[in-house]
């Protein structure tokens, strides 16, 4: 009924192996990009919370991509860094 020769079977498994390796290579950068985006979203949330609470003392940091990434990567020390940079430049 099915006449499968050895070359077909080897080619099939080789193709599956190549697809697996290609998927692993392409999935790693996707994980890195998704992690950057998640960090930026968390950083934006922290900045928004800081702006709400800091408004009582007249502290404000603009929310944009750069500041969100800085706070996303460094957390609370990033907010302190941005405040210091803001005070030094004004």
C-alpha atoms as a PDB file:
ATOM      1  CA  UNK A   1       0.000   0.000   0.000  1.00  0.00           C
ATOM      2  CA  UNK A   2       2.584   2.609   1.082  1.00  0.00           C
ATOM      3  CA  UNK A   3       5.929   2.246  -0.600  1.00  0.00           C
ATOM      4  CA  UNK A   4       8.292   4.368   1.521  1.00  0.00           C
ATOM      5  CA  UNK A   5      11.938   4.135   0.746  1.00  0.00           C
ATOM      6  CA  UNK A   6      14.774   4.978   3.108  1.00  0.00           C
ATOM      7  CA  UNK A   7      15.705   8.219   1.278  1.00  0.00           C
ATOM      8  CA  UNK A   8      12.219   9.651   1.811  1.00  0.00           C
ATOM      9  CA  UNK A   9      12.263   8.829   5.527  1.00  0.00           C
ATOM     10  CA  UNK A  10      15.733  10.326   6.028  1.00  0.00           C
ATOM     11  CA  UNK A  11      14.767  13.471   4.070  1.00  0.00           C
ATOM     12  CA  UNK A  12      11.583  13.833   6.126  1.00  0.00           C
ATOM     13  CA  UNK A  13      13.408  13.648   9.463  1.00  0.00           C
ATOM     14  CA  UNK A  14      16.152  15.957   8.190  1.00  0.00           C
ATOM     15  CA  UNK A  15      13.484  18.500   7.192  1.00  0.00           C
ATOM     16  CA  UNK A  16      11.875  18.280  10.623  1.00  0.00           C
ATOM     17  CA  UNK A  17      15.291  18.789  12.246  1.00  0.00           C
ATOM     18  CA  UNK A  18      15.976  21.852  10.089  1.00  0.00           C
ATOM     19  CA  UNK A  19      12.560  23.312  10.960  1.00  0.00           C
ATOM     20  CA  UNK A  20      13.211  22.726  14.661  1.00  0.00           C
ATOM     21  CA  UNK A  21      16.620  24.431  14.519  1.00  0.00           C
ATOM     22  CA  UNK A  22      15.195  27.346  12.520  1.00  0.00           C
ATOM     23  CA  UNK A  23      12.347  27.777  14.998  1.00  0.00           C
ATOM     24  CA  UNK A  24      14.787  27.826  17.923  1.00  0.00           C
ATOM     25  CA  UNK A  25      16.969  30.435  16.211  1.00  0.00           C
ATOM     26  CA  UNK A  26      14.009  32.694  15.404  1.00  0.00           C
ATOM     27  CA  UNK A  27      12.260  32.225  18.753  1.00  0.00           C
ATOM     28  CA  UNK A  28      15.175  33.495  20.851  1.00  0.00           C
ATOM     29  CA  UNK A  29      15.156  37.048  19.412  1.00  0.00           C
ATOM     30  CA  UNK A  30      11.371  37.108  19.744  1.00  0.00           C
ATOM     31  CA  UNK A  31      11.680  36.371  23.465  1.00  0.00           C
ATOM     32  CA  UNK A  32      14.194  39.199  23.838  1.00  0.00           C
ATOM     33  CA  UNK A  33      11.942  41.669  22.004  1.00  0.00           C
ATOM     34  CA  UNK A  34       8.923  40.629  24.070  1.00  0.00           C
ATOM     35  CA  UNK A  35      10.951  41.060  27.266  1.00  0.00           C
ATOM     36  CA  UNK A  36      11.976  44.595  26.167  1.00  0.00           C
ATOM     37  CA  UNK A  37       8.339  45.463  25.472  1.00  0.00           C
ATOM     38  CA  UNK A  38       7.215  44.051  28.833  1.00  0.00           C
ATOM     39  CA  UNK A  39       9.928  46.015  30.648  1.00  0.00           C
ATOM     40  CA  UNK A  40       8.862  49.198  28.860  1.00  0.00           C
ATOM     41  CA  UNK A  41       5.220  48.653  29.844  1.00  0.00           C
ATOM     42  CA  UNK A  42       6.191  48.035  33.478  1.00  0.00           C
ATOM     43  CA  UNK A  43       8.432  51.112  33.379  1.00  0.00           C
ATOM     44  CA  UNK A  44       5.609  53.235  31.988  1.00  0.00           C
ATOM     45  CA  UNK A  45       3.337  51.997  34.755  1.00  0.00           C
ATOM     46  CA  UNK A  46       5.922  52.829  37.408  1.00  0.00           C
ATOM     47  CA  UNK A  47       6.394  56.289  35.906  1.00  0.00           C
ATOM     48  CA  UNK A  48       2.643  56.878  35.866  1.00  0.00           C
ATOM     49  CA  UNK A  49       2.403  55.826  39.514  1.00  0.00           C
ATOM     50  CA  UNK A  50       5.361  58.043  40.373  1.00  0.00           C
ATOM     51  CA  UNK A  51       3.797  61.005  38.583  1.00  0.00           C
ATOM     52  CA  UNK A  52       0.560  60.538  40.514  1.00  0.00           C
ATOM     53  CA  UNK A  53       2.307  60.287  43.882  1.00  0.00           C
ATOM     54  CA  UNK A  54       5.061  62.793  43.025  1.00  0.00           C
ATOM     55  CA  UNK A  55       2.495  65.394  42.026  1.00  0.00           C
ATOM     56  CA  UNK A  56       1.951  66.132  45.713  1.00  0.00           C
ATOM     57  CA  UNK A  57       5.567  67.341  45.952  1.00  0.00           C
ATOM     58  CA  UNK A  58       5.844  68.898  42.502  1.00  0.00           C
ATOM     59  CA  UNK A  59       7.856  66.014  41.004  1.00  0.00           C
ATOM     60  CA  UNK A  60       7.110  64.935  37.466  1.00  0.00           C
ATOM     61  CA  UNK A  61       8.908  62.796  34.885  1.00  0.00           C
ATOM     62  CA  UNK A  62       7.646  62.715  31.323  1.00  0.00           C
ATOM     63  CA  UNK A  63       6.520  59.315  30.081  1.00  0.00           C
ATOM     64  CA  UNK A  64       8.046  58.390  26.738  1.00  0.00           C
ATOM     65  CA  UNK A  65       9.776  55.383  25.228  1.00  0.00           C
ATOM     66  CA  UNK A  66      13.245  56.258  26.533  1.00  0.00           C
ATOM     67  CA  UNK A  67      12.191  56.924  30.114  1.00  0.00           C
ATOM     68  CA  UNK A  68       9.951  53.847  30.131  1.00  0.00           C
ATOM     69  CA  UNK A  69      12.841  51.648  28.985  1.00  0.00           C
ATOM     70  CA  UNK A  70      15.200  53.164  31.581  1.00  0.00           C
ATOM     71  CA  UNK A  71      12.740  52.557  34.413  1.00  0.00           C
ATOM     72  CA  UNK A  72      11.778  49.158  32.988  1.00  0.00           C
ATOM     73  CA  UNK A  73      15.381  47.967  33.064  1.00  0.00           C
ATOM     74  CA  UNK A  74      16.509  49.530  36.317  1.00  0.00           C
ATOM     75  CA  UNK A  75      13.306  49.903  38.339  1.00  0.00           C
ATOM     76  CA  UNK A  76      13.216  52.416  41.188  1.00  0.00           C
ATOM     77  CA  UNK A  77      16.904  53.410  40.783  1.00  0.00           C
ATOM     78  CA  UNK A  78      15.998  54.427  37.234  1.00  0.00           C
ATOM     79  CA  UNK A  79      13.375  56.824  38.568  1.00  0.00           C
ATOM     80  CA  UNK A  80      15.969  58.306  40.912  1.00  0.00           C
ATOM     81  CA  UNK A  81      18.429  58.589  38.011  1.00  0.00           C
ATOM     82  CA  UNK A  82      15.846  60.375  35.861  1.00  0.00           C
ATOM     83  CA  UNK A  83      15.035  62.774  38.702  1.00  0.00           C
ATOM     84  CA  UNK A  84      18.721  63.572  39.190  1.00  0.00           C
ATOM     85  CA  UNK A  85      19.198  64.113  35.462  1.00  0.00           C
ATOM     86  CA  UNK A  86      16.119  66.328  35.381  1.00  0.00           C
ATOM     87  CA  UNK A  87      17.352  68.476  38.260  1.00  0.00           C
ATOM     88  CA  UNK A  88      20.851  68.799  36.760  1.00  0.00           C
ATOM     89  CA  UNK A  89      19.572  69.973  33.382  1.00  0.00           C
ATOM     90  CA  UNK A  90      17.028  72.472  34.671  1.00  0.00           C
END
